[in-house]
Amino acid sequence: MPDNQTPPADKSASSGWTKSHNIFVGGRRSSARMEPEFREALKDICDREKKSLSELYSEIDGRKRPDQTLSSATRVFTVAYFRNALHHIEEGSTD
């Protein structure tokens, strides 16, 4: 496939739809709407960081911009987390 073409979408993947999840942020009930792939990525981060989803959401909520939704902040955090991990791998660090 030429470099300038996008690969065909995986029809079996659940990309493209979001699901609202009830969560606890700083002890209060809230919700976040996110694609299943992001939800799974958050679970992976929680396993690695030894945190609960509520702890991670509370951390993200504390860092987000005032004009940013929790769902958006969570997506940005998740991408930044894995980009940082990739950078460490490329640099030869395992931290």
PDB file of N, CA and C in Angstrom:
ATOM      1  N   MET A   1       0.847  -1.166   0.000  1.00  0.00           N
ATOM      2  CA  MET A   1       0.000   0.000   0.000  1.00  0.00           C
ATOM      3  C   MET A   1       0.898   1.235   0.000  1.00  0.00           C
ATOM      4  N   PRO A   2       0.647   2.211  -0.864  1.00  0.00           N
ATOM      5  CA  PRO A   2       1.464   3.423  -0.885  1.00  0.00           C
ATOM      6  C   PRO A   2       1.364   4.176   0.438  1.00  0.00           C
ATOM      7  N   ASP A   3       2.420   4.915   0.787  1.00  0.00           N
ATOM      8  CA  ASP A   3       2.476   5.635   2.058  1.00  0.00           C
ATOM      9  C   ASP A   3       1.359   6.653   2.231  1.00  0.00           C
ATOM     10  N   ASN A   4       0.841   7.189   1.142  1.00  0.00           N
ATOM     11  CA  ASN A   4      -0.158   8.244   1.248  1.00  0.00           C
ATOM     12  C   ASN A   4      -1.590   7.720   1.352  1.00  0.00           C
ATOM     13  N   GLN A   5      -1.780   6.421   1.443  1.00  0.00           N
ATOM     14  CA  GLN A   5      -3.116   5.859   1.561  1.00  0.00           C
ATOM     15  C   GLN A   5      -3.361   5.397   2.979  1.00  0.00           C
ATOM     16  N   THR A   6      -4.585   5.595   3.411  1.00  0.00           N
ATOM     17  CA  THR A   6      -4.998   5.138   4.733  1.00  0.00           C
ATOM     18  C   THR A   6      -5.437   3.686   4.628  1.00  0.00           C
ATOM     19  N   PRO A   7      -4.993   2.841   5.572  1.00  0.00           N
ATOM     20  CA  PRO A   7      -5.436   1.447   5.524  1.00  0.00           C
ATOM     21  C   PRO A   7      -6.944   1.360   5.738  1.00  0.00           C
ATOM     22  N   PRO A   8      -7.576   0.333   5.211  1.00  0.00           N
ATOM     23  CA  PRO A   8      -9.025   0.200   5.402  1.00  0.00           C
ATOM     24  C   PRO A   8      -9.357   0.023   6.871  1.00  0.00           C
ATOM     25  N   ALA A   9     -10.519   0.516   7.257  1.00  0.00           N
ATOM     26  CA  ALA A   9     -10.959   0.410   8.648  1.00  0.00           C
ATOM     27  C   ALA A   9     -11.224  -1.051   8.994  1.00  0.00           C
ATOM     28  N   ASP A  10     -10.896  -1.405  10.203  1.00  0.00           N
ATOM     29  CA  ASP A  10     -11.169  -2.750  10.708  1.00  0.00           C
ATOM     30  C   ASP A  10     -12.627  -2.801  11.132  1.00  0.00           C
ATOM     31  N   LYS A  11     -13.439  -3.479  10.354  1.00  0.00           N
ATOM     32  CA  LYS A  11     -14.869  -3.540  10.622  1.00  0.00           C
ATOM     33  C   LYS A  11     -15.186  -4.272  11.920  1.00  0.00           C
ATOM     34  N   SER A  12     -14.265  -5.100  12.415  1.00  0.00           N
ATOM     35  CA  SER A  12     -14.521  -5.827  13.649  1.00  0.00           C
ATOM     36  C   SER A  12     -14.198  -4.992  14.876  1.00  0.00           C
ATOM     37  N   ALA A  13     -13.444  -3.917  14.696  1.00  0.00           N
ATOM     38  CA  ALA A  13     -13.069  -3.066  15.829  1.00  0.00           C
ATOM     39  C   ALA A  13     -14.253  -2.204  16.230  1.00  0.00           C
ATOM     40  N   SER A  14     -14.219  -1.757  17.463  1.00  0.00           N
ATOM     41  CA  SER A  14     -15.332  -0.963  17.976  1.00  0.00           C
ATOM     42  C   SER A  14     -15.076   0.528  17.852  1.00  0.00           C
ATOM     43  N   SER A  15     -14.044   0.913  17.122  1.00  0.00           N
ATOM     44  CA  SER A  15     -13.724   2.328  16.955  1.00  0.00           C
ATOM     45  C   SER A  15     -14.908   3.071  16.366  1.00  0.00           C
ATOM     46  N   GLY A  16     -14.995   4.344  16.743  1.00  0.00           N
ATOM     47  CA  GLY A  16     -16.017   5.169  16.153  1.00  0.00           C
ATOM     48  C   GLY A  16     -17.245   5.349  17.018  1.00  0.00           C
ATOM     49  N   TRP A  17     -17.379   4.617  18.080  1.00  0.00           N
ATOM     50  CA  TRP A  17     -18.508   4.819  18.964  1.00  0.00           C
ATOM     51  C   TRP A  17     -18.003   4.950  20.385  1.00  0.00           C
ATOM     52  N   THR A  18     -18.743   5.711  21.141  1.00  0.00           N
ATOM     53  CA  THR A  18     -18.353   5.940  22.521  1.00  0.00           C
ATOM     54  C   THR A  18     -19.416   5.404  23.452  1.00  0.00           C
ATOM     55  N   LYS A  19     -19.010   5.171  24.670  1.00  0.00           N
ATOM     56  CA  LYS A  19     -19.927   4.686  25.694  1.00  0.00           C
ATOM     57  C   LYS A  19     -19.678   5.494  26.956  1.00  0.00           C
ATOM     58  N   SER A  20     -20.733   5.892  27.599  1.00  0.00           N
ATOM     59  CA  SER A  20     -20.605   6.647  28.838  1.00  0.00           C
ATOM     60  C   SER A  20     -20.364   5.679  29.993  1.00  0.00           C
ATOM     61  N   HIS A  21     -19.388   6.032  30.833  1.00  0.00           N
ATOM     62  CA  HIS A  21     -19.051   5.214  31.998  1.00  0.00           C
ATOM     63  C   HIS A  21     -19.238   6.041  33.257  1.00  0.00           C
ATOM     64  N   ASN A  22     -19.920   5.471  34.236  1.00  0.00           N
ATOM     65  CA  ASN A  22     -20.026   6.126  35.530  1.00  0.00           C
ATOM     66  C   ASN A  22     -18.714   5.924  36.274  1.00  0.00           C
ATOM     67  N   ILE A  23     -18.194   7.007  36.813  1.00  0.00           N
ATOM     68  CA  ILE A  23     -16.904   6.964  37.496  1.00  0.00           C
ATOM     69  C   ILE A  23     -16.975   7.816  38.751  1.00  0.00           C
ATOM     70  N   PHE A  24     -15.983   7.680  39.607  1.00  0.00           N
ATOM     71  CA  PHE A  24     -15.853   8.538  40.775  1.00  0.00           C
ATOM     72  C   PHE A  24     -14.592   9.362  40.621  1.00  0.00           C
ATOM     73  N   VAL A  25     -14.758  10.669  40.765  1.00  0.00           N
ATOM     74  CA  VAL A  25     -13.652  11.605  40.623  1.00  0.00           C
ATOM     75  C   VAL A  25     -13.590  12.434  41.901  1.00  0.00           C
ATOM     76  N   GLY A  26     -12.507  12.270  42.648  1.00  0.00           N
ATOM     77  CA  GLY A  26     -12.376  13.012  43.895  1.00  0.00           C
ATOM     78  C   GLY A  26     -13.512  12.743  44.861  1.00  0.00           C
ATOM     79  N   GLY A  27     -14.013  11.520  44.843  1.00  0.00           N
ATOM     80  CA  GLY A  27     -15.085  11.128  45.750  1.00  0.00           C
ATOM     81  C   GLY A  27     -16.486  11.464  45.268  1.00  0.00           C
ATOM     82  N   ARG A  28     -16.623  12.134  44.127  1.00  0.00           N
ATOM     83  CA  ARG A  28     -17.947  12.449  43.609  1.00  0.00           C
ATOM     84  C   ARG A  28     -18.220  11.658  42.334  1.00  0.00           C
ATOM     85  N   ARG A  29     -19.490  11.349  42.137  1.00  0.00           N
ATOM     86  CA  ARG A  29     -19.881  10.580  40.957  1.00  0.00           C
ATOM     87  C   ARG A  29     -19.884  11.485  39.735  1.00  0.00           C
ATOM     88  N   SER A  30     -19.379  10.961  38.645  1.00  0.00           N
ATOM     89  CA  SER A  30     -19.334  11.680  37.380  1.00  0.00           C
ATOM     90  C   SER A  30     -19.460  10.662  36.265  1.00  0.00           C
ATOM     91  N   SER A  31     -19.283  11.120  35.038  1.00  0.00           N
ATOM     92  CA  SER A  31     -19.285  10.187  33.920  1.00  0.00           C
ATOM     93  C   SER A  31     -18.278  10.668  32.885  1.00  0.00           C
ATOM     94  N   ALA A  32     -17.801   9.726  32.107  1.00  0.00           N
ATOM     95  CA  ALA A  32     -16.884  10.033  31.018  1.00  0.00           C
ATOM     96  C   ALA A  32     -17.317   9.217  29.816  1.00  0.00           C
ATOM     97  N   ARG A  33     -17.364   9.869  28.682  1.00  0.00           N
ATOM     98  CA  ARG A  33     -17.750   9.204  27.433  1.00  0.00           C
ATOM     99  C   ARG A  33     -16.483   8.935  26.647  1.00  0.00           C
ATOM    100  N   MET A  34     -16.282   7.663  26.344  1.00  0.00           N
ATOM    101  CA  MET A  34     -15.039   7.303  25.668  1.00  0.00           C
ATOM    102  C   MET A  34     -15.161   6.021  24.855  1.00  0.00           C
ATOM    103  N   GLU A  35     -14.312   5.914  23.855  1.00  0.00           N
ATOM    104  CA  GLU A  35     -14.258   4.709  23.030  1.00  0.00           C
ATOM    105  C   GLU A  35     -13.703   3.553  23.868  1.00  0.00           C
ATOM    106  N   PRO A  36     -14.132   2.328  23.566  1.00  0.00           N
ATOM    107  CA  PRO A  36     -13.654   1.166  24.323  1.00  0.00           C
ATOM    108  C   PRO A  36     -12.128   1.024  24.316  1.00  0.00           C
ATOM    109  N   GLU A  37     -11.492   1.407  23.212  1.00  0.00           N
ATOM    110  CA  GLU A  37     -10.029   1.288  23.140  1.00  0.00           C
ATOM    111  C   GLU A  37      -9.352   2.195  24.170  1.00  0.00           C
ATOM    112  N   PHE A  38      -9.908   3.387  24.389  1.00  0.00           N
ATOM    113  CA  PHE A  38      -9.345   4.276  25.408  1.00  0.00           C
ATOM    114  C   PHE A  38      -9.594   3.721  26.799  1.00  0.00           C
ATOM    115  N   ARG A  39     -10.751   3.153  27.007  1.00  0.00           N
ATOM    116  CA  ARG A  39     -11.063   2.548  28.311  1.00  0.00           C
ATOM    117  C   ARG A  39     -10.068   1.418  28.616  1.00  0.00           C
ATOM    118  N   GLU A  40      -9.782   0.583  27.634  1.00  0.00           N
ATOM    119  CA  GLU A  40      -8.805  -0.495  27.821  1.00  0.00           C
ATOM    120  C   GLU A  40      -7.406   0.064  28.065  1.00  0.00           C
ATOM    121  N   ALA A  41      -7.051   1.119  27.347  1.00  0.00           N
ATOM    122  CA  ALA A  41      -5.740   1.747  27.547  1.00  0.00           C
ATOM    123  C   ALA A  41      -5.626   2.305  28.955  1.00  0.00           C
ATOM    124  N   LEU A  42      -6.712   2.883  29.477  1.00  0.00           N
ATOM    125  CA  LEU A  42      -6.697   3.396  30.856  1.00  0.00           C
ATOM    126  C   LEU A  42      -6.494   2.266  31.862  1.00  0.00           C
ATOM    127  N   LYS A  43      -7.126   1.142  31.608  1.00  0.00           N
ATOM    128  CA  LYS A  43      -6.940  -0.009  32.488  1.00  0.00           C
ATOM    129  C   LYS A  43      -5.480  -0.474  32.462  1.00  0.00           C
ATOM    130  N   ASP A  44      -4.866  -0.450  31.290  1.00  0.00           N
ATOM    131  CA  ASP A  44      -3.444  -0.807  31.183  1.00  0.00           C
ATOM    132  C   ASP A  44      -2.586   0.160  31.993  1.00  0.00           C
ATOM    133  N   ILE A  45      -2.899   1.457  31.897  1.00  0.00           N
ATOM    134  CA  ILE A  45      -2.153   2.453  32.662  1.00  0.00           C
ATOM    135  C   ILE A  45      -2.333   2.209  34.157  1.00  0.00           C
ATOM    136  N   CYS A  46      -3.550   1.936  34.578  1.00  0.00           N
ATOM    137  CA  CYS A  46      -3.820   1.663  35.995  1.00  0.00           C
ATOM    138  C   CYS A  46      -3.020   0.460  36.488  1.00  0.00           C
ATOM    139  N   ASP A  47      -2.972  -0.579  35.697  1.00  0.00           N
ATOM    140  CA  ASP A  47      -2.191  -1.766  36.074  1.00  0.00           C
ATOM    141  C   ASP A  47      -0.719  -1.403  36.233  1.00  0.00           C
ATOM    142  N   ARG A  48      -0.188  -0.657  35.280  1.00  0.00           N
ATOM    143  CA  ARG A  48       1.233  -0.292  35.330  1.00  0.00           C
ATOM    144  C   ARG A  48       1.550   0.639  36.491  1.00  0.00           C
ATOM    145  N   GLU A  49       0.647   1.579  36.749  1.00  0.00           N
ATOM    146  CA  GLU A  49       0.879   2.585  37.792  1.00  0.00           C
ATOM    147  C   GLU A  49       0.345   2.155  39.164  1.00  0.00           C
ATOM    148  N   LYS A  50      -0.290   0.985  39.206  1.00  0.00           N
ATOM    149  CA  LYS A  50      -0.869   0.450  40.446  1.00  0.00           C
ATOM    150  C   LYS A  50      -1.855   1.441  41.083  1.00  0.00           C
ATOM    151  N   LYS A  51      -2.784   1.914  40.241  1.00  0.00           N
ATOM    152  CA  LYS A  51      -3.821   2.848  40.662  1.00  0.00           C
ATOM    153  C   LYS A  51      -5.172   2.313  40.232  1.00  0.00           C
ATOM    154  N   SER A  52      -6.208   2.742  40.930  1.00  0.00           N
ATOM    155  CA  SER A  52      -7.566   2.408  40.503  1.00  0.00           C
ATOM    156  C   SER A  52      -7.988   3.396  39.416  1.00  0.00           C
ATOM    157  N   LEU A  53      -9.041   3.040  38.677  1.00  0.00           N
ATOM    158  CA  LEU A  53      -9.557   3.962  37.672  1.00  0.00           C
ATOM    159  C   LEU A  53      -9.995   5.271  38.321  1.00  0.00           C
ATOM    160  N   SER A  54     -10.608   5.191  39.480  1.00  0.00           N
ATOM    161  CA  SER A  54     -11.038   6.409  40.178  1.00  0.00           C
ATOM    162  C   SER A  54      -9.852   7.294  40.532  1.00  0.00           C
ATOM    163  N   GLU A  55      -8.765   6.693  40.993  1.00  0.00           N
ATOM    164  CA  GLU A  55      -7.564   7.474  41.311  1.00  0.00           C
ATOM    165  C   GLU A  55      -7.007   8.139  40.059  1.00  0.00           C
ATOM    166  N   LEU A  56      -6.972   7.395  38.957  1.00  0.00           N
ATOM    167  CA  LEU A  56      -6.439   7.949  37.721  1.00  0.00           C
ATOM    168  C   LEU A  56      -7.330   9.073  37.197  1.00  0.00           C
ATOM    169  N   TYR A  57      -8.653   8.857  37.198  1.00  0.00           N
ATOM    170  CA  TYR A  57      -9.566   9.911  36.757  1.00  0.00           C
ATOM    171  C   TYR A  57      -9.441  11.152  37.634  1.00  0.00           C
ATOM    172  N   SER A  58      -9.274  10.973  38.939  1.00  0.00           N
ATOM    173  CA  SER A  58      -9.112  12.118  39.842  1.00  0.00           C
ATOM    174  C   SER A  58      -7.836  12.883  39.510  1.00  0.00           C
ATOM    175  N   GLU A  59      -6.774  12.159  39.211  1.00  0.00           N
ATOM    176  CA  GLU A  59      -5.508  12.792  38.823  1.00  0.00           C
ATOM    177  C   GLU A  59      -5.672  13.582  37.521  1.00  0.00           C
ATOM    178  N   ILE A  60      -6.324  12.982  36.554  1.00  0.00           N
ATOM    179  CA  ILE A  60      -6.553  13.651  35.267  1.00  0.00           C
ATOM    180  C   ILE A  60      -7.429  14.882  35.473  1.00  0.00           C
ATOM    181  N   ASP A  61      -8.473  14.751  36.277  1.00  0.00           N
ATOM    182  CA  ASP A  61      -9.382  15.862  36.539  1.00  0.00           C
ATOM    183  C   ASP A  61      -8.646  17.035  37.191  1.00  0.00           C
ATOM    184  N   GLY A  62      -7.707  16.736  38.063  1.00  0.00           N
ATOM    185  CA  GLY A  62      -6.936  17.784  38.720  1.00  0.00           C
ATOM    186  C   GLY A  62      -5.972  18.507  37.797  1.00  0.00           C
ATOM    187  N   ARG A  63      -5.610  17.880  36.698  1.00  0.00           N
ATOM    188  CA  ARG A  63      -4.655  18.460  35.743  1.00  0.00           C
ATOM    189  C   ARG A  63      -5.310  19.143  34.549  1.00  0.00           C
ATOM    190  N   LYS A  64      -6.577  18.862  34.308  1.00  0.00           N
ATOM    191  CA  LYS A  64      -7.210  19.344  33.073  1.00  0.00           C
ATOM    192  C   LYS A  64      -7.432  20.853  33.112  1.00  0.00           C
ATOM    193  N   ARG A  65      -7.527  21.428  31.918  1.00  0.00           N
ATOM    194  CA  ARG A  65      -7.832  22.848  31.785  1.00  0.00           C
ATOM    195  C   ARG A  65      -9.289  23.089  32.188  1.00  0.00           C
ATOM    196  N   PRO A  66      -9.611  24.262  32.696  1.00  0.00           N
ATOM    197  CA  PRO A  66     -10.997  24.542  33.105  1.00  0.00           C
ATOM    198  C   PRO A  66     -12.013  24.403  31.963  1.00  0.00           C
ATOM    199  N   ASP A  67     -11.591  24.679  30.740  1.00  0.00           N
ATOM    200  CA  ASP A  67     -12.511  24.605  29.606  1.00  0.00           C
ATOM    201  C   ASP A  67     -12.546  23.223  28.944  1.00  0.00           C
ATOM    202  N   GLN A  68     -11.871  22.266  29.528  1.00  0.00           N
ATOM    203  CA  GLN A  68     -11.739  20.937  28.928  1.00  0.00           C
ATOM    204  C   GLN A  68     -12.647  19.945  29.652  1.00  0.00           C
ATOM    205  N   THR A  69     -13.315  19.087  28.886  1.00  0.00           N
ATOM    206  CA  THR A  69     -14.134  18.045  29.504  1.00  0.00           C
ATOM    207  C   THR A  69     -13.224  16.941  30.049  1.00  0.00           C
ATOM    208  N   LEU A  70     -13.740  16.195  30.984  1.00  0.00           N
ATOM    209  CA  LEU A  70     -12.969  15.076  31.529  1.00  0.00           C
ATOM    210  C   LEU A  70     -12.686  14.036  30.452  1.00  0.00           C
ATOM    211  N   SER A  71     -13.641  13.794  29.574  1.00  0.00           N
ATOM    212  CA  SER A  71     -13.431  12.825  28.493  1.00  0.00           C
ATOM    213  C   SER A  71     -12.291  13.254  27.589  1.00  0.00           C
ATOM    214  N   SER A  72     -12.279  14.524  27.203  1.00  0.00           N
ATOM    215  CA  SER A  72     -11.213  15.046  26.353  1.00  0.00           C
ATOM    216  C   SER A  72      -9.873  14.982  27.075  1.00  0.00           C
ATOM    217  N   ALA A  73      -9.853  15.420  28.328  1.00  0.00           N
ATOM    218  CA  ALA A  73      -8.609  15.396  29.108  1.00  0.00           C
ATOM    219  C   ALA A  73      -8.084  13.972  29.255  1.00  0.00           C
ATOM    220  N   THR A  74      -8.984  13.009  29.374  1.00  0.00           N
ATOM    221  CA  THR A  74      -8.581  11.610  29.516  1.00  0.00           C
ATOM    222  C   THR A  74      -7.942  11.098  28.234  1.00  0.00           C
ATOM    223  N   ARG A  75      -8.503  11.456  27.104  1.00  0.00           N
ATOM    224  CA  ARG A  75      -7.909  11.047  25.821  1.00  0.00           C
ATOM    225  C   ARG A  75      -6.519  11.653  25.645  1.00  0.00           C
ATOM    226  N   VAL A  76      -6.400  12.939  25.952  1.00  0.00           N
ATOM    227  CA  VAL A  76      -5.106  13.620  25.831  1.00  0.00           C
ATOM    228  C   VAL A  76      -4.088  12.983  26.774  1.00  0.00           C
ATOM    229  N   PHE A  77      -4.487  12.719  28.013  1.00  0.00           N
ATOM    230  CA  PHE A  77      -3.598  12.082  28.987  1.00  0.00           C
ATOM    231  C   PHE A  77      -3.134  10.719  28.480  1.00  0.00           C
ATOM    232  N   THR A  78      -4.062   9.930  27.957  1.00  0.00           N
ATOM    233  CA  THR A  78      -3.740   8.579  27.498  1.00  0.00           C
ATOM    234  C   THR A  78      -2.734   8.606  26.351  1.00  0.00           C
ATOM    235  N   VAL A  79      -2.960   9.473  25.388  1.00  0.00           N
ATOM    236  CA  VAL A  79      -2.018   9.584  24.267  1.00  0.00           C
ATOM    237  C   VAL A  79      -0.660  10.054  24.779  1.00  0.00           C
ATOM    238  N   ALA A  80      -0.650  11.060  25.652  1.00  0.00           N
ATOM    239  CA  ALA A  80       0.617  11.579  26.189  1.00  0.00           C
ATOM    240  C   ALA A  80       1.351  10.502  26.985  1.00  0.00           C
ATOM    241  N   TYR A  81       0.623   9.695  27.736  1.00  0.00           N
ATOM    242  CA  TYR A  81       1.229   8.630  28.539  1.00  0.00           C
ATOM    243  C   TYR A  81       1.973   7.641  27.640  1.00  0.00           C
ATOM    244  N   PHE A  82       1.302   7.190  26.591  1.00  0.00           N
ATOM    245  CA  PHE A  82       1.931   6.195  25.717  1.00  0.00           C
ATOM    246  C   PHE A  82       3.011   6.804  24.830  1.00  0.00           C
ATOM    247  N   ARG A  83       2.866   8.061  24.456  1.00  0.00           N
ATOM    248  CA  ARG A  83       3.950   8.722  23.716  1.00  0.00           C
ATOM    249  C   ARG A  83       5.192   8.841  24.590  1.00  0.00           C
ATOM    250  N   ASN A  84       4.999   9.191  25.853  1.00  0.00           N
ATOM    251  CA  ASN A  84       6.110   9.282  26.796  1.00  0.00           C
ATOM    252  C   ASN A  84       6.770   7.911  26.977  1.00  0.00           C
ATOM    253  N   ALA A  85       5.953   6.867  27.091  1.00  0.00           N
ATOM    254  CA  ALA A  85       6.500   5.508  27.236  1.00  0.00           C
ATOM    255  C   ALA A  85       7.322   5.132  26.006  1.00  0.00           C
ATOM    256  N   LEU A  86       6.827   5.468  24.829  1.00  0.00           N
ATOM    257  CA  LEU A  86       7.551   5.176  23.594  1.00  0.00           C
ATOM    258  C   LEU A  86       8.874   5.936  23.555  1.00  0.00           C
ATOM    259  N   HIS A  87       8.848   7.194  23.984  1.00  0.00           N
ATOM    260  CA  HIS A  87      10.072   7.995  24.022  1.00  0.00           C
ATOM    261  C   HIS A  87      11.111   7.327  24.925  1.00  0.00           C
ATOM    262  N   HIS A  88      10.665   6.846  26.094  1.00  0.00           N
ATOM    263  CA  HIS A  88      11.595   6.176  27.015  1.00  0.00           C
ATOM    264  C   HIS A  88      12.151   4.888  26.406  1.00  0.00           C
ATOM    265  N   ILE A  89      11.331   4.161  25.687  1.00  0.00           N
ATOM    266  CA  ILE A  89      11.797   2.935  25.029  1.00  0.00           C
ATOM    267  C   ILE A  89      12.848   3.292  23.969  1.00  0.00           C
ATOM    268  N   GLU A  90      12.555   4.312  23.182  1.00  0.00           N
ATOM    269  CA  GLU A  90      13.497   4.716  22.130  1.00  0.00           C
ATOM    270  C   GLU A  90      14.800   5.211  22.712  1.00  0.00           C
ATOM    271  N   GLU A  91      14.752   5.800  23.911  1.00  0.00           N
ATOM    272  CA  GLU A  91      15.954   6.304  24.571  1.00  0.00           C
ATOM    273  C   GLU A  91      16.664   5.213  25.377  1.00  0.00           C
ATOM    274  N   GLY A  92      16.055   4.039  25.464  1.00  0.00           N
ATOM    275  CA  GLY A  92      16.691   2.932  26.174  1.00  0.00           C
ATOM    276  C   GLY A  92      16.387   2.881  27.663  1.00  0.00           C
ATOM    277  N   SER A  93      15.440   3.686  28.128  1.00  0.00           N
ATOM    278  CA  SER A  93      15.086   3.688  29.547  1.00  0.00           C
ATOM    279  C   SER A  93      13.903   2.753  29.765  1.00  0.00           C
ATOM    280  N   THR A  94      13.833   2.128  30.930  1.00  0.00           N
ATOM    281  CA  THR A  94      12.703   1.250  31.251  1.00  0.00           C
ATOM    282  C   THR A  94      11.854   1.824  32.370  1.00  0.00           C
ATOM    283  N   ASP A  95      12.105   3.056  32.803  1.00  0.00           N
ATOM    284  CA  ASP A  95      11.328   3.687  33.881  1.00  0.00           C
ATOM    285  C   ASP A  95       9.967   4.118  33.392  1.00  0.00           C
TER     286      ASP A  95
END
